[in-house]
Amino acid sequence: MSEKELFIESLREFLKRDVEKIATKIDKEDYYPRDLVKKLGELGFLIPLTNGLSHYDMMIILEEIAKVSGSLALIADAQGELAGEMIRLYADERQRKEFLEPMSKGEMIGSFALTEPSGGSDIGSMKTFAEKRNGLWRIKGHKMWITQGLYADIFVTVTRTGSSRHDLSVFIVPMGNCVETRKIEVMGNRGTGTAEVIFHDCEVSNDYIVGEVNNGWNMVNSVLEIGRLAISGIAIGLAESALEEALRWTRSRTAFGNSIYDFQGIRWYFADSVAKLNAVKSMAKDVSSKFDENSKDKGVYVAMLKLLSAIIANEIVDISLQVFGGMGYAKGTTIERIYRDARLLRIGEGTDEVQRHIIAKYIERYGIPYI
């Protein structure tokens, strides 16, 4: 067994030992598993790109976590591939030491404060503003749908710093009296601390600027591309978990004297689902390699991957619930939880419509892209 295979096997053992037993609790009680976040960090599974792993390795980690808990996978994504990646890619050495190291160990919780109530995918219409006064930056604004917002120690916050749509900058804002958080009740991925975050004239020095002032547009889009790769891994994991749950059910359940799996209609559900899922998994490997190579066209390919993985995962989860019949509709079943968790895939990290816009815009400029 290779070193990487041993690494993933250790993750599976951790998930089976420590996560399976509280996955239902996380969902049912809206319980934020901070102790599990710390353990993920201690084992090296948070912000995996800091440990010399590939982008595909990152996807596999999130896939494995999602198979056990969609909520914990989303937490790991927010911590590692959004807030963490912004700091890893663009922060200076002092900021990496102060923030990235404790975040990667799960000792510090980070949120990526981007989305606003008035403009989800339209980041150019952002209203949160940072203005420099007397040597300090004063940040004021309202963010929405912020994963880990209720529990964050720092907010990696995107603000306007000029009059142009592209005049965006990124600041690290520590939790404090100037930050107000309000819980948002969500349908799925519960226990993730999703919140509104309001900045009431928070003051930070130049030491808390990530990258260059007014270069936030490029930085945000770069991080969101990694986020789309990450959420595709979560999509694959949720779909695999749903299929495996459904297969166990159809083999144990009988109707009209036969195992449910013996009926051709049910068997073809699985045949179609497995074919589509493996196609997405193959595409994920190709697209992730473009990130390792820093390919100029990686953005359009990850948009395709994110679009297809989210749609196909939702289709597979829906079919899997269907074969459970009434039991799949009951609260407390794993498939019902996966069904609710999976719906976010077509919204988070850019909606289906945004991915289609990215792909169509690329075709208009450069022609049809093929892998």
Protein backbone atom coordinates (compact mmCIF):
# COMPACT_ATOMS: atom_id res chain seq x y z
CA MET A 1 0.00 0.00 0.00
CA SER A 2 1.40 3.41 -1.02
CA GLU A 3 1.89 6.32 1.36
CA LYS A 4 -1.15 8.12 -0.07
CA GLU A 5 -3.30 5.00 0.19
CA LEU A 6 -2.30 4.68 3.83
CA PHE A 7 -3.17 8.34 4.33
CA ILE A 8 -6.68 7.85 2.93
CA GLU A 9 -7.11 4.61 4.87
CA SER A 10 -6.32 6.49 8.08
CA LEU A 11 -9.02 9.01 7.15
CA ARG A 12 -11.55 6.22 6.61
CA GLU A 13 -10.69 4.72 9.98
CA PHE A 14 -11.15 8.11 11.67
CA LEU A 15 -14.50 8.64 9.93
CA LYS A 16 -15.75 5.19 10.92
CA ARG A 17 -14.51 5.50 14.49
CA ASP A 18 -15.32 9.12 15.35
CA VAL A 19 -17.73 10.57 12.78
CA GLU A 20 -20.28 7.87 11.90
CA LYS A 21 -21.61 7.77 15.45
CA ILE A 22 -22.45 11.49 15.56
CA ALA A 23 -23.37 12.21 11.91
CA THR A 24 -27.06 12.00 12.81
CA LYS A 25 -26.53 14.19 15.89
CA ILE A 26 -24.87 16.88 13.76
CA ASP A 27 -27.93 16.99 11.50
CA LYS A 28 -30.70 16.46 14.04
CA GLU A 29 -29.39 18.85 16.71
CA ASP A 30 -27.72 21.34 14.35
CA TYR A 31 -24.57 20.48 16.28
CA TYR A 32 -21.27 22.08 15.27
CA PRO A 33 -18.54 19.40 15.71
CA ARG A 34 -15.60 21.59 16.64
CA ASP A 35 -13.76 18.65 18.21
CA LEU A 36 -13.93 16.79 14.88
CA VAL A 37 -12.58 19.83 13.03
CA LYS A 38 -9.61 19.83 15.40
CA LYS A 39 -9.06 16.10 14.88
CA LEU A 40 -9.20 16.54 11.09
CA GLY A 41 -6.51 19.20 11.47
CA GLU A 42 -4.35 17.06 13.75
CA LEU A 43 -4.49 14.24 11.19
CA GLY A 44 -3.55 16.57 8.31
CA PHE A 45 -6.88 16.58 6.46
CA LEU A 46 -7.66 20.31 6.78
CA ILE A 47 -6.17 22.57 4.09
CA PRO A 48 -4.51 19.50 2.50
CA LEU A 49 -2.75 21.56 -0.18
CA THR A 50 -0.48 22.92 2.57
CA ASN A 51 0.81 19.37 3.10
CA GLY A 52 2.07 18.85 -0.44
CA LEU A 53 -0.97 16.85 -1.58
CA SER A 54 -2.44 17.25 -5.05
CA HIS A 55 -5.77 18.82 -5.94
CA TYR A 56 -7.10 15.34 -6.68
CA ASP A 57 -5.99 14.19 -3.22
CA MET A 58 -7.97 17.12 -1.81
CA MET A 59 -11.05 15.97 -3.72
CA ILE A 60 -10.66 12.39 -2.47
CA ILE A 61 -10.44 13.62 1.14
CA LEU A 62 -13.68 15.59 0.79
CA GLU A 63 -15.34 12.69 -1.06
CA GLU A 64 -14.54 10.32 1.82
CA ILE A 65 -15.76 12.79 4.47
CA ALA A 66 -18.99 13.45 2.52
CA LYS A 67 -19.76 9.73 2.36
CA VAL A 68 -20.15 9.84 6.15
CA SER A 69 -21.27 13.44 6.80
CA GLY A 70 -22.11 16.08 4.22
CA SER A 71 -22.04 18.68 6.98
CA LEU A 72 -18.50 17.88 8.07
CA ALA A 73 -17.38 17.86 4.43
CA LEU A 74 -18.84 21.34 3.92
CA ILE A 75 -17.10 22.56 7.09
CA ALA A 76 -13.79 21.14 5.82
CA ASP A 77 -14.39 22.84 2.46
CA ALA A 78 -15.12 26.24 4.03
CA GLN A 79 -12.11 25.97 6.34
CA GLY A 80 -9.67 24.54 3.83
CA GLU A 81 -10.60 25.37 0.26
CA LEU A 82 -12.15 28.82 0.78
CA ALA A 83 -10.82 30.69 3.82
CA GLY A 84 -7.66 28.59 4.01
CA GLU A 85 -6.81 28.70 0.31
CA MET A 86 -7.19 32.49 0.19
CA ILE A 87 -4.54 32.77 2.89
CA ARG A 88 -2.32 30.01 1.48
CA LEU A 89 -2.26 31.51 -2.00
CA TYR A 90 -2.14 35.24 -1.30
CA ALA A 91 -1.12 36.00 2.30
CA ASP A 92 2.39 37.02 3.34
CA GLU A 93 4.66 34.86 5.46
CA ARG A 94 3.63 36.49 8.75
CA GLN A 95 -0.08 36.00 7.99
CA ARG A 96 0.48 32.37 7.02
CA LYS A 97 2.24 31.73 10.31
CA GLU A 98 -0.36 33.58 12.38
CA PHE A 99 -3.48 32.26 10.67
CA LEU A 100 -2.83 29.43 8.20
CA GLU A 101 -0.90 27.19 10.57
CA PRO A 102 -3.52 27.19 13.36
CA MET A 103 -6.32 26.87 10.78
CA SER A 104 -4.67 23.83 9.20
CA LYS A 105 -4.45 22.24 12.67
CA GLY A 106 -8.10 22.99 13.45
CA GLU A 107 -7.09 25.28 16.31
CA MET A 108 -8.55 28.37 14.61
CA ILE A 109 -11.87 28.46 12.74
CA GLY A 110 -12.02 30.55 9.59
CA SER A 111 -14.97 31.72 7.50
CA PHE A 112 -14.97 33.07 3.96
CA ALA A 113 -17.19 36.16 4.06
CA LEU A 114 -18.10 36.82 0.43
CA THR A 115 -21.81 36.48 -0.36
CA GLU A 116 -24.22 39.33 0.45
CA PRO A 117 -28.02 39.52 0.77
CA SER A 118 -28.38 41.70 -2.32
CA GLY A 119 -26.09 39.84 -4.70
CA GLY A 120 -25.06 36.21 -4.36
CA SER A 121 -23.08 35.45 -7.51
CA ASP A 122 -22.70 39.08 -8.61
CA ILE A 123 -19.67 39.95 -6.51
CA GLY A 124 -19.16 43.14 -8.52
CA SER A 125 -22.28 44.59 -6.90
CA MET A 126 -20.82 44.13 -3.40
CA LYS A 127 -21.84 46.73 -0.84
CA THR A 128 -19.51 45.88 2.05
CA PHE A 129 -16.94 48.68 2.02
CA ALA A 130 -13.49 49.22 3.52
CA GLU A 131 -12.26 52.78 3.91
CA LYS A 132 -8.92 53.91 5.31
CA ARG A 133 -9.08 56.49 8.09
CA ASN A 134 -6.24 57.60 10.35
CA GLY A 135 -4.05 54.70 9.30
CA LEU A 136 -6.70 52.00 9.90
CA TRP A 137 -9.16 50.31 7.57
CA ARG A 138 -12.77 50.57 8.68
CA ILE A 139 -15.01 47.79 7.36
CA LYS A 140 -18.77 48.03 7.24
CA GLY A 141 -21.22 45.66 5.58
CA HIS A 142 -23.55 42.68 5.67
CA LYS A 143 -22.66 39.13 4.57
CA MET A 144 -25.01 36.19 4.07
CA TRP A 145 -24.87 32.36 3.98
CA ILE A 146 -21.49 32.28 5.70
CA THR A 147 -20.51 28.71 6.58
CA GLN A 148 -18.97 28.53 10.07
CA GLY A 149 -20.01 32.14 10.59
CA LEU A 150 -21.44 31.40 14.04
CA TYR A 151 -18.19 29.85 15.26
CA ALA A 152 -15.45 31.64 13.35
CA ASP A 153 -12.38 33.09 15.02
CA ILE A 154 -11.53 35.04 11.87
CA PHE A 155 -13.45 36.14 8.79
CA VAL A 156 -11.60 36.25 5.46
CA THR A 157 -13.68 39.13 4.20
CA VAL A 158 -14.11 40.52 0.69
CA THR A 159 -14.91 44.23 0.50
CA ARG A 160 -15.11 47.10 -1.94
CA THR A 161 -12.20 49.53 -1.76
CA GLY A 162 -12.97 51.66 -4.80
CA SER A 163 -15.66 52.74 -7.24
CA SER A 164 -15.12 50.08 -9.94
CA ARG A 165 -16.83 46.67 -9.88
CA HIS A 166 -13.37 45.14 -9.78
CA ASP A 167 -12.03 47.29 -6.93
CA LEU A 168 -12.24 44.55 -4.35
CA SER A 169 -9.86 43.74 -1.52
CA VAL A 170 -9.56 40.92 1.03
CA PHE A 171 -9.10 41.47 4.76
CA ILE A 172 -8.71 39.15 7.73
CA VAL A 173 -11.20 40.39 10.35
CA PRO A 174 -10.87 38.79 13.81
CA MET A 175 -14.07 38.00 15.70
CA GLY A 176 -14.85 40.84 18.13
CA ASN A 177 -17.46 43.25 19.42
CA CYS A 178 -17.76 44.90 16.00
CA VAL A 179 -18.92 41.62 14.42
CA GLU A 180 -22.56 40.56 14.74
CA THR A 181 -23.66 37.06 13.71
CA ARG A 182 -27.20 35.75 13.24
CA LYS A 183 -28.03 32.09 12.79
CA ILE A 184 -29.63 31.00 9.51
CA GLU A 185 -31.77 27.86 9.64
CA VAL A 186 -30.96 25.74 6.60
CA MET A 187 -32.61 22.69 5.06
CA GLY A 188 -29.52 20.52 4.83
CA ASN A 189 -25.86 20.53 5.83
CA ARG A 190 -26.96 21.39 9.33
CA GLY A 191 -24.41 21.90 12.09
CA THR A 192 -22.24 24.06 9.83
CA GLY A 193 -22.88 27.32 11.69
CA THR A 194 -24.38 29.07 8.67
CA ALA A 195 -24.94 32.73 9.50
CA GLU A 196 -25.49 36.29 8.54
CA VAL A 197 -22.39 38.30 9.47
CA ILE A 198 -22.61 42.05 9.97
CA PHE A 199 -19.49 44.21 10.28
CA HIS A 200 -20.12 47.36 12.31
CA ASP A 201 -17.15 49.58 11.43
CA CYS A 202 -14.53 46.95 12.24
CA GLU A 203 -11.06 48.46 12.30
CA VAL A 204 -7.97 46.58 11.08
CA SER A 205 -4.46 47.66 10.14
CA ASN A 206 -2.57 47.06 6.90
CA ASP A 207 -1.23 43.87 8.49
CA TYR A 208 -4.65 42.30 7.92
CA ILE A 209 -4.82 42.95 4.18
CA VAL A 210 -4.44 39.72 2.17
CA GLY A 211 -2.58 40.29 -1.08
CA GLU A 212 -2.79 43.67 -2.79
CA VAL A 213 -5.50 46.28 -2.34
CA ASN A 214 -7.96 46.27 -5.28
CA ASN A 215 -6.71 42.87 -6.53
CA GLY A 216 -9.50 40.99 -4.78
CA TRP A 217 -11.47 40.28 -7.95
CA ASN A 218 -8.79 37.97 -9.35
CA MET A 219 -8.08 36.44 -5.95
CA VAL A 220 -11.73 35.63 -5.27
CA ASN A 221 -12.26 34.03 -8.67
CA SER A 222 -9.13 31.91 -8.24
CA VAL A 223 -10.28 30.65 -4.83
CA LEU A 224 -13.82 30.00 -6.06
CA GLU A 225 -12.41 27.77 -8.80
CA ILE A 226 -10.71 25.64 -6.13
CA GLY A 227 -13.98 25.70 -4.19
CA ARG A 228 -15.79 24.31 -7.23
CA LEU A 229 -13.29 21.50 -7.45
CA ALA A 230 -13.82 20.81 -3.74
CA ILE A 231 -17.60 20.79 -3.88
CA SER A 232 -17.43 18.40 -6.84
CA GLY A 233 -15.60 16.00 -4.51
CA ILE A 234 -18.40 16.42 -1.97
CA ALA A 235 -20.96 15.73 -4.72
CA ILE A 236 -19.25 12.48 -5.64
CA GLY A 237 -19.10 11.39 -2.00
CA LEU A 238 -22.79 12.09 -1.34
CA ALA A 239 -23.80 10.26 -4.52
CA GLU A 240 -21.65 7.23 -3.63
CA SER A 241 -23.08 7.10 -0.13
CA ALA A 242 -26.65 7.30 -1.44
CA LEU A 243 -26.06 4.54 -3.98
CA GLU A 244 -24.49 2.24 -1.41
CA GLU A 245 -27.36 2.83 1.03
CA ALA A 246 -29.88 2.12 -1.71
CA LEU A 247 -28.12 -1.04 -2.87
CA ARG A 248 -28.10 -2.48 0.66
CA TRP A 249 -31.80 -1.68 0.97
CA THR A 250 -32.82 -3.27 -2.34
CA ARG A 251 -30.95 -6.46 -1.53
CA SER A 252 -32.53 -6.78 1.91
CA ARG A 253 -36.09 -5.73 0.95
CA THR A 254 -38.52 -8.09 -0.78
CA ALA A 255 -41.70 -7.39 -2.75
CA PHE A 256 -43.95 -9.87 -4.56
CA GLY A 257 -41.66 -12.68 -3.52
CA ASN A 258 -38.47 -11.18 -4.94
CA SER A 259 -35.62 -8.97 -3.81
CA ILE A 260 -36.30 -5.42 -4.97
CA TYR A 261 -32.98 -5.48 -6.81
CA ASP A 262 -34.26 -8.35 -8.98
CA PHE A 263 -36.70 -6.02 -10.75
CA GLN A 264 -35.30 -4.76 -14.05
CA GLY A 265 -36.47 -1.19 -13.52
CA ILE A 266 -34.58 -0.97 -10.24
CA ARG A 267 -31.46 -2.63 -11.68
CA TRP A 268 -31.37 -0.11 -14.49
CA TYR A 269 -31.56 2.74 -11.99
CA PHE A 270 -28.28 1.48 -10.58
CA ALA A 271 -26.72 0.79 -13.98
CA ASP A 272 -27.39 4.33 -15.20
CA SER A 273 -26.29 5.88 -11.90
CA VAL A 274 -23.00 3.98 -11.74
CA ALA A 275 -22.17 4.85 -15.35
CA LYS A 276 -22.79 8.56 -14.82
CA LEU A 277 -20.97 8.66 -11.50
CA ASN A 278 -17.88 6.98 -12.90
CA ALA A 279 -17.86 9.41 -15.82
CA VAL A 280 -17.84 12.30 -13.34
CA LYS A 281 -15.09 10.66 -11.27
CA SER A 282 -12.96 10.27 -14.39
CA MET A 283 -13.56 13.90 -15.34
CA ALA A 284 -12.64 14.97 -11.80
CA LYS A 285 -9.22 13.37 -12.15
CA ASP A 286 -8.55 15.15 -15.44
CA VAL A 287 -9.79 18.53 -14.25
CA SER A 288 -7.89 18.39 -10.96
CA SER A 289 -4.66 17.76 -12.89
CA LYS A 290 -5.22 21.09 -14.66
CA PHE A 291 -5.02 22.77 -11.25
CA ASP A 292 -1.76 21.00 -10.43
CA GLU A 293 -0.42 22.26 -13.76
CA ASN A 294 -1.99 25.72 -13.22
CA SER A 295 -3.53 25.52 -16.67
CA LYS A 296 -4.94 28.79 -18.01
CA ASP A 297 -8.24 27.13 -18.98
CA LYS A 298 -8.83 25.30 -15.68
CA GLY A 299 -11.71 27.67 -14.84
CA VAL A 300 -13.95 26.56 -17.67
CA TYR A 301 -13.27 22.87 -17.05
CA VAL A 302 -14.00 23.09 -13.35
CA ALA A 303 -17.23 24.93 -14.21
CA MET A 304 -18.22 21.92 -16.35
CA LEU A 305 -17.25 19.51 -13.58
CA LYS A 306 -19.12 21.44 -10.91
CA LEU A 307 -22.24 21.73 -13.09
CA LEU A 308 -22.34 18.03 -14.01
CA SER A 309 -21.29 16.64 -10.62
CA ALA A 310 -23.98 18.65 -8.82
CA ILE A 311 -26.77 17.72 -11.26
CA ILE A 312 -25.79 14.05 -11.49
CA ALA A 313 -25.33 13.74 -7.72
CA ASN A 314 -28.80 15.16 -7.12
CA GLU A 315 -30.24 12.81 -9.73
CA ILE A 316 -28.55 9.78 -8.14
CA VAL A 317 -29.60 10.78 -4.63
CA ASP A 318 -33.20 11.25 -5.81
CA ILE A 319 -33.25 7.83 -7.48
CA SER A 320 -31.70 6.27 -4.38
CA LEU A 321 -34.40 7.75 -2.18
CA GLN A 322 -37.04 6.53 -4.65
CA VAL A 323 -36.01 2.91 -4.26
CA PHE A 324 -36.44 3.26 -0.50
CA GLY A 325 -40.09 4.18 -1.05
CA GLY A 326 -41.80 5.61 2.03
CA MET A 327 -38.85 4.80 4.26
CA GLY A 328 -36.69 7.21 2.26
CA TYR A 329 -39.11 10.02 3.08
CA ALA A 330 -38.88 9.41 6.82
CA LYS A 331 -36.90 11.70 9.11
CA GLY A 332 -33.92 10.04 10.75
CA THR A 333 -32.89 7.92 7.77
CA THR A 334 -29.47 8.46 6.22
CA ILE A 335 -30.88 8.76 2.71
CA GLU A 336 -33.27 11.55 3.77
CA ARG A 337 -30.33 13.47 5.26
CA ILE A 338 -28.24 13.00 2.12
CA TYR A 339 -31.19 14.18 0.00
CA ARG A 340 -31.32 17.48 1.90
CA ASP A 341 -27.54 17.89 1.96
CA ALA A 342 -27.18 17.29 -1.78
CA ARG A 343 -29.51 20.09 -2.84
CA LEU A 344 -26.95 22.73 -1.88
CA LEU A 345 -24.56 21.37 -4.50
CA ARG A 346 -26.45 23.13 -7.29
CA ILE A 347 -26.30 26.47 -5.43
CA GLY A 348 -23.09 26.74 -3.40
CA GLU A 349 -19.78 27.85 -5.01
CA GLY A 350 -21.76 29.24 -7.95
CA THR A 351 -25.18 28.09 -9.14
CA ASP A 352 -25.84 25.87 -12.15
CA GLU A 353 -26.70 29.02 -14.07
CA VAL A 354 -23.38 30.69 -13.19
CA GLN A 355 -21.45 27.62 -14.39
CA ARG A 356 -23.37 27.64 -17.66
CA HIS A 357 -22.59 31.34 -18.06
CA ILE A 358 -18.85 30.68 -17.56
CA ILE A 359 -18.88 27.84 -20.11
CA ALA A 360 -20.93 29.75 -22.69
CA LYS A 361 -18.73 32.85 -22.34
CA TYR A 362 -15.62 30.73 -22.93
CA ILE A 363 -17.17 29.17 -26.05
CA GLU A 364 -18.00 32.65 -27.39
CA ARG A 365 -14.40 33.82 -26.95
CA TYR A 366 -12.29 30.75 -27.68
CA GLY A 367 -14.50 28.07 -29.23
CA ILE A 368 -15.61 24.72 -27.83
CA PRO A 369 -13.24 23.34 -25.16
CA TYR A 370 -12.51 19.61 -25.10
CA ILE A 371 -10.54 17.68 -22.49
